[in-house]
Protein backbone atom coordinates (compact mmCIF):
# COMPACT_ATOMS: atom_id res chain seq x y z
CA MET A 1 115.91 76.91 38.40
CA LEU A 2 113.23 76.62 41.14
CA ALA A 3 110.55 74.04 40.95
CA VAL A 4 107.52 73.66 43.53
CA VAL A 5 105.88 70.66 44.27
CA THR A 6 102.99 70.36 46.15
CA SER A 7 102.65 67.53 49.25
CA GLY A 8 101.21 66.99 52.52
CA ALA A 9 101.90 66.62 56.39
CA LEU A 10 100.49 64.54 58.80
CA LEU A 11 99.38 66.33 61.96
CA GLY A 12 96.71 63.84 63.94
CA ILE A 13 94.70 62.55 61.33
CA GLU A 14 94.20 65.48 59.09
CA ALA A 15 96.98 66.61 56.24
CA GLN A 16 97.97 70.04 56.36
CA PRO A 17 100.00 71.59 52.65
CA VAL A 18 103.55 71.17 52.43
CA GLN A 19 105.16 73.21 49.62
CA VAL A 20 107.97 71.54 48.39
CA GLU A 21 110.64 73.91 46.89
CA VAL A 22 113.71 72.81 44.76
CA ASN A 23 116.20 75.10 43.72
CA ALA A 24 119.38 74.27 41.96
CA GLY A 25 122.04 75.78 39.92
CA GLU A 26 123.15 77.83 42.63
CA TYR A 27 126.76 78.69 42.33
CA GLY A 28 129.36 76.37 44.68
CA GLU A 29 130.25 72.61 45.33
CA ALA A 30 127.58 69.92 44.36
CA ALA A 31 125.62 69.49 47.22
CA VAL A 32 122.46 68.88 47.90
CA PHE A 33 121.25 71.09 51.60
CA LEU A 34 117.68 70.33 53.44
CA VAL A 35 115.57 72.55 55.68
CA GLY A 36 111.79 72.85 56.65
CA LEU A 37 112.29 70.89 59.77
CA PRO A 38 112.52 68.23 58.56
CA ASP A 39 113.12 64.54 61.33
CA ALA A 40 115.68 61.58 60.45
CA ALA A 41 113.87 60.12 57.95
CA VAL A 42 112.85 63.07 55.62
CA LYS A 43 117.01 63.65 55.88
CA GLU A 44 118.00 60.54 54.94
CA SER A 45 115.57 60.93 51.51
CA LYS A 46 118.65 62.50 49.99
CA ASP A 47 120.36 59.23 50.17
CA ARG A 48 117.12 57.12 48.88
CA VAL A 49 116.33 59.75 46.06
CA SER A 50 119.67 59.84 45.08
CA SER A 51 119.64 56.29 44.30
CA ALA A 52 116.19 55.96 42.80
CA LEU A 53 116.83 59.09 40.43
CA ALA A 54 120.32 56.57 39.12
CA ASN A 55 118.33 53.43 38.74
CA SER A 56 115.60 54.74 36.91
CA GLY A 57 117.71 56.60 34.35
CA PHE A 58 117.66 59.87 36.03
CA ARG A 59 120.81 62.18 37.49
CA MET A 60 121.39 63.93 40.36
CA PRO A 61 122.04 68.13 40.12
CA SER A 62 125.36 68.59 39.71
CA THR A 63 125.62 72.29 41.03
CA ARG A 64 124.64 73.33 44.97
CA THR A 65 121.05 72.81 45.73
CA THR A 66 118.70 73.96 47.92
CA ILE A 67 115.79 72.10 49.29
CA ASN A 68 112.69 73.44 51.57
CA LEU A 69 109.90 72.01 52.73
CA ALA A 70 107.40 74.97 53.59
CA PRO A 71 106.35 75.93 56.04
CA GLY A 72 109.53 75.89 57.78
CA HIS A 73 107.12 76.13 61.50
CA LEU A 74 105.63 72.69 60.84
CA ARG A 75 107.56 69.67 61.57
CA LYS A 76 108.33 67.09 59.01
CA GLU A 77 107.99 63.98 59.41
CA GLY A 78 108.16 60.15 57.67
CA PRO A 79 109.70 59.11 54.23
CA CYS A 80 106.18 60.31 52.30
CA TYR A 81 108.35 63.15 50.67
CA ASP A 82 110.54 60.73 49.21
CA LEU A 83 109.18 61.16 45.65
CA PRO A 84 108.20 64.56 45.01
CA ILE A 85 111.49 65.89 46.42
CA ALA A 86 112.67 63.45 43.31
CA LEU A 87 110.34 65.34 41.26
CA GLY A 88 111.07 68.75 42.21
CA LEU A 89 115.01 67.76 41.36
CA LEU A 90 114.02 66.39 38.01
CA ALA A 91 112.03 69.50 37.26
CA ALA A 92 114.76 72.22 38.55
CA THR A 93 117.24 70.32 36.22
CA ARG A 94 114.80 70.47 33.42
CA GLN A 95 114.64 66.16 33.03
CA LEU A 96 110.41 67.03 34.22
CA ASN A 97 108.66 69.83 32.70
CA PRO A 98 107.70 71.87 35.98
CA GLU A 99 104.12 72.99 34.65
CA SER A 100 103.43 69.11 34.81
CA LEU A 101 103.52 69.67 38.62
CA GLU A 102 100.86 71.97 38.64
CA GLY A 103 97.46 70.70 40.13
CA TYR A 104 98.72 67.51 42.10
CA LEU A 105 99.31 66.74 45.57
CA ILE A 106 102.22 64.00 45.53
CA ALA A 107 103.26 61.73 48.20
CA GLY A 108 105.47 58.60 48.32
CA GLU A 109 108.61 56.94 49.73
CA LEU A 110 111.46 55.74 47.35
CA SER A 111 112.87 51.77 47.26
CA LEU A 112 116.40 52.66 46.23
CA SER A 113 115.19 50.99 42.83
CA GLY A 114 112.96 53.89 42.11
CA ALA A 115 109.83 51.79 43.27
CA LEU A 116 107.29 52.95 45.71
CA ARG A 117 106.17 52.18 48.98
CA PRO A 118 103.54 53.34 50.80
CA VAL A 119 102.61 55.88 53.07
CA ARG A 120 100.42 56.40 56.19
CA GLY A 121 97.80 59.28 55.35
CA GLY A 122 96.21 57.98 52.08
CA LEU A 123 93.45 59.12 52.79
CA ALA A 124 93.88 62.50 54.58
CA PHE A 125 96.08 63.47 51.85
CA GLY A 126 92.64 62.87 49.51
CA LEU A 127 90.57 64.80 52.09
CA LEU A 128 93.60 67.70 51.81
CA ALA A 129 93.50 67.75 47.55
CA ARG A 130 90.06 68.25 47.92
CA SER A 131 90.32 71.15 50.28
CA GLN A 132 92.77 72.64 48.27
CA GLY A 133 90.81 72.27 45.14
CA LEU A 134 93.71 70.55 42.93
CA LYS A 135 92.56 68.76 39.82
CA GLY A 136 94.24 64.68 40.98
CA VAL A 137 96.42 63.09 43.90
CA LEU A 138 99.85 60.65 42.94
CA LEU A 139 100.29 58.35 45.63
CA PRO A 140 101.77 54.56 45.95
CA PRO A 141 99.47 51.84 44.98
CA GLU A 142 98.44 50.71 48.49
CA SER A 143 98.00 54.41 50.31
CA ALA A 144 95.72 55.41 46.64
CA GLU A 145 92.86 52.42 47.98
CA GLU A 146 93.05 54.64 50.85
CA ALA A 147 92.56 58.52 48.74
CA VAL A 148 90.32 57.12 46.16
CA LEU A 149 87.34 57.02 48.80
CA VAL A 150 87.33 60.59 48.93
CA ASP A 151 84.34 62.00 46.42
CA GLY A 152 85.05 65.03 43.58
CA VAL A 153 89.46 63.56 43.64
CA ASN A 154 91.30 62.03 40.60
CA VAL A 155 93.32 59.23 42.49
CA HIS A 156 96.13 58.09 39.87
CA PRO A 157 97.89 55.12 41.32
CA VAL A 158 102.18 55.14 40.58
CA GLU A 159 104.08 52.49 41.20
CA SER A 160 107.46 54.15 40.46
CA LEU A 161 109.21 56.74 39.50
CA ASP A 162 109.75 56.36 36.52
CA ALA A 163 106.07 54.91 35.73
CA CYS A 164 104.85 58.68 37.62
CA VAL A 165 107.66 60.85 35.20
CA ARG A 166 106.08 59.50 31.95
CA PHE A 167 103.04 59.92 33.45
CA LEU A 168 103.42 63.67 33.73
CA GLU A 169 104.85 63.81 30.43
CA GLY A 170 101.93 62.15 29.61
CA GLU A 171 104.00 59.48 27.84
CA HIS A 172 102.16 56.69 29.72
CA ASN A 173 98.36 56.90 30.53
CA ILE A 174 97.86 56.16 34.64
CA PRO A 175 93.64 56.08 34.76
CA PRO A 176 92.02 56.99 37.75
CA MET A 177 91.63 54.57 40.27
CA ASN A 178 87.48 53.08 40.57
CA PRO A 179 86.66 53.58 43.80
CA ARG A 180 84.52 50.37 43.95
CA SER A 181 87.89 48.77 43.21
CA SER A 182 89.43 49.77 46.47
CA ALA A 183 90.07 46.77 48.86
CA PHE A 184 88.55 49.55 51.82
CA ARG A 185 84.56 48.46 49.92
CA GLN A 186 84.90 45.29 50.12
CA PRO A 187 83.69 42.69 52.67
CA PRO A 188 85.99 41.46 55.74
CA ASP A 189 87.11 37.42 53.80
CA ALA A 190 84.11 35.24 55.09
CA SER A 191 86.99 32.53 55.88
CA HIS A 192 87.85 33.75 59.15
CA ALA A 193 84.51 35.06 59.99
CA VAL A 194 82.86 34.16 63.44
CA ASP A 195 79.69 33.88 64.40
CA PHE A 196 77.68 33.88 68.40
CA SER A 197 76.23 30.67 67.51
CA GLU A 198 79.39 28.96 68.20
CA ILE A 199 78.70 30.46 71.63
CA LYS A 200 77.34 27.64 73.95
CA GLY A 201 75.03 28.87 77.21
CA GLN A 202 75.69 32.33 78.66
CA HIS A 203 72.18 33.49 77.98
CA GLN A 204 72.36 35.81 80.40
CA VAL A 205 75.54 37.48 78.77
CA ARG A 206 74.51 36.97 74.98
CA ARG A 207 70.66 39.38 76.22
CA ALA A 208 73.37 41.71 77.83
CA VAL A 209 75.22 42.09 75.27
CA GLU A 210 72.32 42.66 72.51
CA ILE A 211 70.94 45.58 75.10
CA ALA A 212 74.44 46.93 74.95
CA VAL A 213 74.99 46.70 70.70
CA ALA A 214 71.57 48.20 70.44
CA GLY A 215 72.16 51.25 72.41
CA GLY A 216 76.03 51.67 71.77
CA HIS A 217 76.38 51.10 75.89
CA ASN A 218 79.58 50.28 77.90
CA LEU A 219 79.43 46.78 78.76
CA LEU A 220 81.83 44.57 81.64
CA MET A 221 81.60 41.17 81.94
CA ILE A 222 82.78 39.35 85.04
CA GLY A 223 83.45 35.54 85.34
CA PRO A 224 86.23 32.84 85.94
CA PRO A 225 88.77 31.29 83.61
CA GLY A 226 87.43 29.76 80.26
CA SER A 227 83.41 30.97 80.87
CA GLY A 228 83.89 32.70 77.55
CA LYS A 229 84.21 36.10 77.87
CA SER A 230 87.20 36.63 75.12
CA MET A 231 85.03 34.34 72.86
CA VAL A 232 81.85 36.57 73.50
CA ALA A 233 83.63 40.20 72.74
CA LYS A 234 85.45 38.92 69.83
CA ARG A 235 81.79 38.01 68.43
CA ILE A 236 80.68 41.43 68.79
CA PRO A 237 81.33 43.59 65.95
CA THR A 238 79.43 40.61 63.82
CA ILE A 239 76.08 42.05 65.38
CA MET A 240 77.07 45.16 65.23
CA PRO A 241 75.07 47.32 62.24
CA GLU A 242 77.57 48.37 58.70
CA PRO A 243 79.49 51.12 59.22
CA SER A 244 78.12 54.34 56.87
CA LEU A 245 80.78 55.40 54.34
CA ASP A 246 80.64 58.93 56.40
CA GLU A 247 81.55 56.80 59.81
CA PHE A 248 84.07 54.40 57.94
CA LEU A 249 85.67 57.78 56.52
CA GLU A 250 86.55 58.96 60.22
CA ILE A 251 87.57 55.03 61.06
CA LEU A 252 90.05 54.71 57.96
CA GLY A 253 91.52 58.41 58.77
CA ILE A 254 92.40 57.82 62.19
CA GLN A 255 93.91 54.17 61.33
CA SER A 256 95.50 55.77 57.75
CA ALA A 257 97.42 58.08 60.15
CA ALA A 258 98.23 55.14 62.39
CA GLY A 259 99.86 53.19 59.62
CA ILE A 260 97.35 49.79 60.01
CA SER A 261 95.56 50.44 57.24
CA LEU A 262 98.69 49.44 55.64
CA HIS A 263 98.30 45.40 56.74
CA GLY A 264 96.60 43.06 54.54
CA ASP A 265 94.31 41.91 57.61
CA GLU A 266 92.85 45.43 57.87
CA ARG A 267 92.06 46.47 54.64
CA CYS A 268 87.92 45.49 54.28
CA PHE A 269 84.89 47.60 55.18
CA GLN A 270 84.38 47.21 58.41
CA ARG A 271 83.96 48.47 62.14
CA PRO A 272 87.64 48.28 64.93
CA PHE A 273 87.84 45.92 67.21
CA ARG A 274 90.82 47.33 68.89
CA SER A 275 92.43 44.88 72.32
CA PRO A 276 95.11 45.91 73.54
CA HIS A 277 97.41 43.93 76.37
CA HIS A 278 96.82 44.97 80.04
CA THR A 279 100.93 46.41 79.89
CA ILE A 280 99.39 49.23 77.44
CA SER A 281 101.25 52.80 78.58
CA ASP A 282 98.97 55.90 79.09
CA VAL A 283 99.83 57.45 75.77
CA GLY A 284 99.45 54.24 73.54
CA LEU A 285 95.72 54.42 75.18
CA LEU A 286 95.19 57.41 74.64
CA GLY A 287 97.34 58.74 71.96
CA GLY A 288 99.86 61.09 71.82
CA GLY A 289 104.07 61.12 71.79
CA ALA A 290 105.93 63.79 70.33
CA THR A 291 104.17 64.53 67.48
CA PRO A 292 100.06 63.98 68.54
CA GLY A 293 98.65 60.61 66.95
CA PRO A 294 95.84 58.26 67.86
CA GLY A 295 96.23 55.83 70.54
CA GLU A 296 93.76 52.91 70.96
CA ILE A 297 90.83 54.66 71.85
CA SER A 298 90.58 56.81 68.64
CA LEU A 299 91.40 53.28 66.96
CA ALA A 300 88.70 51.89 68.27
CA HIS A 301 86.70 54.50 67.06
CA HIS A 302 82.75 53.71 66.11
CA GLY A 303 84.52 49.86 66.84
CA VAL A 304 84.40 48.10 70.32
CA LEU A 305 87.88 48.60 72.43
CA PHE A 306 88.13 45.47 74.46
CA LEU A 307 90.03 45.18 77.54
CA ASP A 308 90.64 41.83 78.51
CA GLU A 309 91.87 41.47 82.34
CA LEU A 310 90.42 45.03 83.30
CA PRO A 311 92.45 44.99 87.04
CA GLU A 312 95.52 44.23 85.21
CA PHE A 313 95.84 47.43 83.22
CA LYS A 314 97.42 50.60 85.25
CA ARG A 315 95.23 52.34 87.43
CA SER A 316 96.39 55.71 85.34
CA ALA A 317 95.90 54.71 82.26
CA LEU A 318 92.05 53.64 82.77
CA GLU A 319 91.50 56.48 84.45
CA VAL A 320 92.36 58.71 81.57
CA MET A 321 89.50 56.75 79.57
CA ARG A 322 86.94 58.90 82.10
CA GLN A 323 86.42 62.11 80.34
CA PRO A 324 86.70 60.14 76.34
CA LEU A 325 84.02 57.93 77.72
CA GLU A 326 81.40 60.60 78.20
CA ASP A 327 82.36 62.99 75.51
CA GLY A 328 83.53 60.99 72.58
CA THR A 329 86.65 62.80 71.69
CA VAL A 330 90.25 63.49 73.19
CA SER A 331 92.54 66.64 73.00
CA ILE A 332 95.74 66.40 73.20
CA SER A 333 98.78 68.81 73.67
CA ARG A 334 102.19 68.80 72.99
CA SER A 335 104.96 70.69 72.26
CA ALA A 336 104.51 70.08 67.91
CA GLY A 337 101.07 71.23 68.56
CA LYS A 338 97.63 70.58 69.72
CA VAL A 339 95.04 68.20 67.86
CA THR A 340 91.46 66.40 68.91
CA LEU A 341 90.88 63.45 68.07
CA PRO A 342 87.71 61.09 67.72
CA CYS A 343 86.83 58.27 70.06
CA SER A 344 83.25 56.76 70.15
CA PHE A 345 83.66 53.98 70.99
CA MET A 346 81.91 50.96 72.63
CA LEU A 347 83.83 49.54 75.67
CA VAL A 348 84.01 45.84 76.37
CA ALA A 349 86.39 44.72 79.28
CA ALA A 350 86.30 41.25 80.79
CA MET A 351 87.54 40.70 84.13
CA ASN A 352 88.16 37.47 87.14
CA PRO A 353 85.79 37.80 90.23
CA CYS A 354 89.01 37.54 92.43
CA PRO A 355 92.52 37.20 91.62
CA CYS A 356 92.65 33.46 91.40
CA GLY A 357 89.32 33.37 88.94
CA TYR A 358 87.24 31.01 91.07
CA LEU A 359 85.19 33.04 93.40
CA SER A 360 82.10 31.29 93.92
CA ASP A 361 82.95 28.59 91.10
CA PRO A 362 80.72 25.19 92.61
CA LYS A 363 83.36 23.23 90.99
CA ARG A 364 86.95 24.82 92.09
CA GLU A 365 87.48 26.33 95.77
CA CYS A 366 88.82 30.06 95.88
CA ARG A 367 92.07 30.74 98.31
CA CYS A 368 91.57 34.50 98.09
CA SER A 369 91.06 35.44 101.28
CA PRO A 370 89.26 39.03 101.87
CA THR A 371 90.99 41.60 101.91
CA GLN A 372 93.19 39.98 98.58
CA ILE A 373 89.41 39.98 96.85
CA GLN A 374 88.62 43.61 97.92
CA ARG A 375 92.58 44.95 96.55
CA TYR A 376 91.65 43.66 93.00
CA ARG A 377 88.37 44.99 92.91
CA SER A 378 89.01 48.18 93.73
CA ARG A 379 91.97 48.70 90.97
CA ILE A 380 88.80 49.69 89.14
CA SER A 381 87.53 52.94 90.61
CA GLY A 382 83.76 53.84 91.38
CA PRO A 383 83.89 57.38 88.55
CA LEU A 384 84.59 54.88 85.52
CA LEU A 385 82.89 51.63 86.54
CA ASP A 386 80.13 54.33 86.93
CA ARG A 387 81.06 54.92 83.37
CA ILE A 388 79.61 50.88 82.12
CA ASP A 389 76.43 50.88 81.27
CA LEU A 390 76.09 47.17 81.96
CA HIS A 391 77.58 44.72 84.30
CA VAL A 392 77.03 40.74 83.62
CA GLU A 393 77.92 37.78 85.48
CA ALA A 394 79.80 35.19 83.37
CA PRO A 395 79.45 31.98 85.01
CA ALA A 396 81.68 28.70 84.21
CA VAL A 397 79.59 26.67 81.69
CA SER A 398 79.42 22.94 82.32
CA ILE A 399 81.19 20.42 80.03
CA GLU A 400 78.07 18.77 79.68
CA GLU A 401 76.38 21.51 78.31
CA MET A 402 79.14 22.32 75.96
CA ARG A 403 78.73 19.27 74.62
CA LYS A 404 74.89 18.79 74.18
CA GLY A 405 73.78 22.52 74.36
CA ALA A 406 71.92 23.21 70.90
CA PRO A 407 73.87 26.35 69.11
CA GLY A 408 72.70 29.78 70.11
CA GLU A 409 70.85 32.42 67.87
CA SER A 410 73.19 33.40 65.22
CA SER A 411 74.92 36.70 64.35
CA ALA A 412 72.27 37.41 61.82
CA THR A 413 69.64 37.04 63.80
CA LEU A 414 70.80 39.55 66.61
CA ARG A 415 71.44 42.01 64.11
CA GLU A 416 68.73 41.94 62.36
CA ARG A 417 67.07 43.02 65.78
CA ILE A 418 69.93 45.00 66.55
CA LEU A 419 69.68 46.73 63.30
CA ALA A 420 65.90 47.70 63.74
CA ALA A 421 66.52 49.15 67.52
CA ARG A 422 69.14 51.25 66.02
CA GLU A 423 66.52 52.62 63.56
CA ARG A 424 63.95 53.75 66.17
CA GLN A 425 66.77 55.42 68.03
CA LEU A 426 67.35 57.07 64.42
CA SER A 427 64.16 58.12 63.27
CA ARG A 428 64.24 59.45 67.38
CA PHE A 429 66.91 61.33 67.35
CA LYS A 430 66.66 62.83 62.99
CA ASP A 431 66.52 66.49 64.13
CA ASN A 432 69.72 66.12 66.57
CA PRO A 433 72.19 63.91 64.36
CA LYS A 434 74.94 64.28 66.72
CA THR A 435 73.37 61.67 68.70
CA SER A 436 73.50 58.52 67.42
CA SER A 437 72.24 55.98 69.97
CA ASN A 438 70.96 56.02 73.25
CA ALA A 439 74.07 55.87 75.00
CA ARG A 440 74.67 59.13 73.71
CA MET A 441 71.66 60.60 74.79
CA SER A 442 71.96 64.01 76.62
CA HIS A 443 70.46 64.96 80.44
CA ARG A 444 67.49 67.02 78.09
CA GLN A 445 66.57 64.16 75.94
CA ILE A 446 67.21 61.55 78.36
CA ARG A 447 64.02 63.89 79.66
CA ALA A 448 62.41 63.90 76.98
CA HIS A 449 62.42 59.96 76.04
CA CYS A 450 63.30 57.90 79.08
CA ASP A 451 59.85 59.43 80.61
CA VAL A 452 58.91 56.89 83.74
CA THR A 453 55.45 56.70 85.96
CA PRO A 454 56.00 58.09 89.34
CA GLU A 455 56.01 54.31 90.87
CA GLN A 456 58.60 53.52 88.66
CA GLY A 457 60.46 56.45 89.34
CA ASP A 458 59.28 54.97 93.33
CA LEU A 459 61.22 51.80 92.18
CA LEU A 460 64.28 53.40 90.86
CA GLN A 461 65.05 55.67 93.91
CA ARG A 462 64.44 52.91 95.95
CA ALA A 463 67.04 50.65 93.76
CA MET A 464 69.11 53.78 93.87
CA GLU A 465 69.65 54.21 97.40
CA GLU A 466 70.46 50.54 98.11
CA LEU A 467 72.68 50.06 95.55
CA HIS A 468 74.64 53.45 96.38
CA LEU A 469 74.59 54.46 93.08
CA SER A 470 76.00 57.92 91.33
CA ALA A 471 73.88 60.39 89.69
CA ARG A 472 75.57 59.70 86.78
CA ALA A 473 74.17 55.83 87.17
CA TYR A 474 70.84 57.58 87.72
CA ASP A 475 71.06 58.12 84.05
CA ARG A 476 73.08 55.67 82.30
CA ILE A 477 70.07 53.39 83.70
CA LEU A 478 67.23 54.87 81.89
CA LYS A 479 69.39 54.75 79.07
CA VAL A 480 69.51 51.30 79.25
CA THR A 481 66.04 51.10 79.93
CA ARG A 482 65.10 53.12 76.61
CA THR A 483 67.06 50.37 74.74
CA ILE A 484 65.42 47.27 76.17
CA ALA A 485 62.17 49.10 75.35
CA ASP A 486 63.62 49.51 71.67
CA LEU A 487 64.17 45.47 71.28
CA ALA A 488 61.02 44.80 72.16
CA GLY A 489 59.41 47.50 69.68
CA ARG A 490 57.33 49.42 72.18
CA ASP A 491 57.49 53.38 72.51
CA LYS A 492 56.33 53.71 76.32
CA ILE A 493 58.52 52.09 78.97
CA GLU A 494 57.56 49.14 81.27
CA THR A 495 58.39 48.15 84.58
CA ALA A 496 59.89 44.86 83.64
CA ASP A 497 62.16 47.16 81.35
CA LEU A 498 63.22 49.53 84.21
CA LEU A 499 64.26 46.28 86.18
CA GLU A 500 65.72 44.42 83.79
CA ALA A 501 68.44 47.64 83.71
CA ILE A 502 68.56 47.95 87.35
CA GLN A 503 70.00 44.46 87.78
CA TYR A 504 72.94 45.36 85.12
CA ARG A 505 74.26 48.03 88.04
CA SER A 506 73.91 44.85 90.95
CA LEU A 507 77.62 44.64 90.72
CA ASP A 508 78.11 48.20 91.66
CA ARG A 509 77.17 46.60 95.61
CA ASN A 510 78.92 43.76 95.40
CA LEU A 511 82.51 45.20 94.38
CA PHE A 512 82.34 48.53 96.22
CA TYR A 513 80.01 48.06 99.46
């Protein structure tokens, strides 16, 4: 008998429909044949399914059985087909009513005991079920917490193969999960919270961070070891606006496809903060693999990508970020297909001023030669530096300031000012929803919203010529100027705003000329 179960396959961050067709009762020696371009993990599902069926009180087919994962041209990966294969076998051998499977999208990994384990792509499966007009989704509880965030789809969390069969037969009620009970609708654990008030000194750095977050600008901090660069970066998410539900669904969709949303510390309503090690490969940063998947720049979508010790990253890995930083998307082409992934993130980078780290330190002597310093700094290309809006020096903090310095402003205070600036930007770009912040302004929008007087234009021109800045840096200075005015609550740009924005480009000259 033929039975069909609806499931899905992940391609990038989206799910494509897959029909699991099971035909039992064929002539020949008892055996199970699995076709449809499965990978090794899918082929191994036969052993997991047979053990799970036996330990749940069911039996495997006693005749030749063929399992087809359609469409055949789409490569199937991972253990998410265990549950639909098991249910298909039960329906094909009359141990389950085949009609009970209609209208459900089903995915899940089976343990040998019949218990279900979570699978990647829970949110993508929920979106696929909604687009296909299905009445519900059957997923393991951890994956169901992602899918339940999709409106218009009933998501039933099933904990075991036996519970799933009894639910389909009407013997056991598993009510749809309430979206408000999902872990992804809960705030982060307050016991691990950090705050900007813990930062002593570094007033210029704090100001640059406030401007960067208010406008969504990229930021580079340069300072000796121990000056607090990493400490500042880790507190940036605490002053960022809370993501909207649409933004969070995009964030969760990428994290779910990568499998990191299954970890406990990632299961909350927050923006991502990614901090890859400098040994990361080009593929790890950009994304890719045999079947294209998200890299760190996509995992930081709508959040922060922190690159500590920036010059230590491979030159090729840094250069692949140039186009994504401009476009907010990255296209990856592989033999398995082409995917376009979102990667609209805020880049925060930190570096030492020289290889030893103590150039210009008043208390420690730098032993680096000018050639070593130039070689170290030249690891960051000019085109990449052009795409970083603010460059700020982070000097070492004295012990006395650490002991006696008053606490700085709290994250809540900074966030209040940043939210006010963001509201002005949302009002300004209400007719263009693709532009959510000043950093994303197009050249036409810059001309419309960053109007400067002739005197201010002359001032900017002189600065461009003296600092040897590019045309891209010209636009970015105007964007930062607009953000500074927004933080001050002004519609009109003042000369002081422009001068402050220009000072955040002064490191261009120091680094490369």
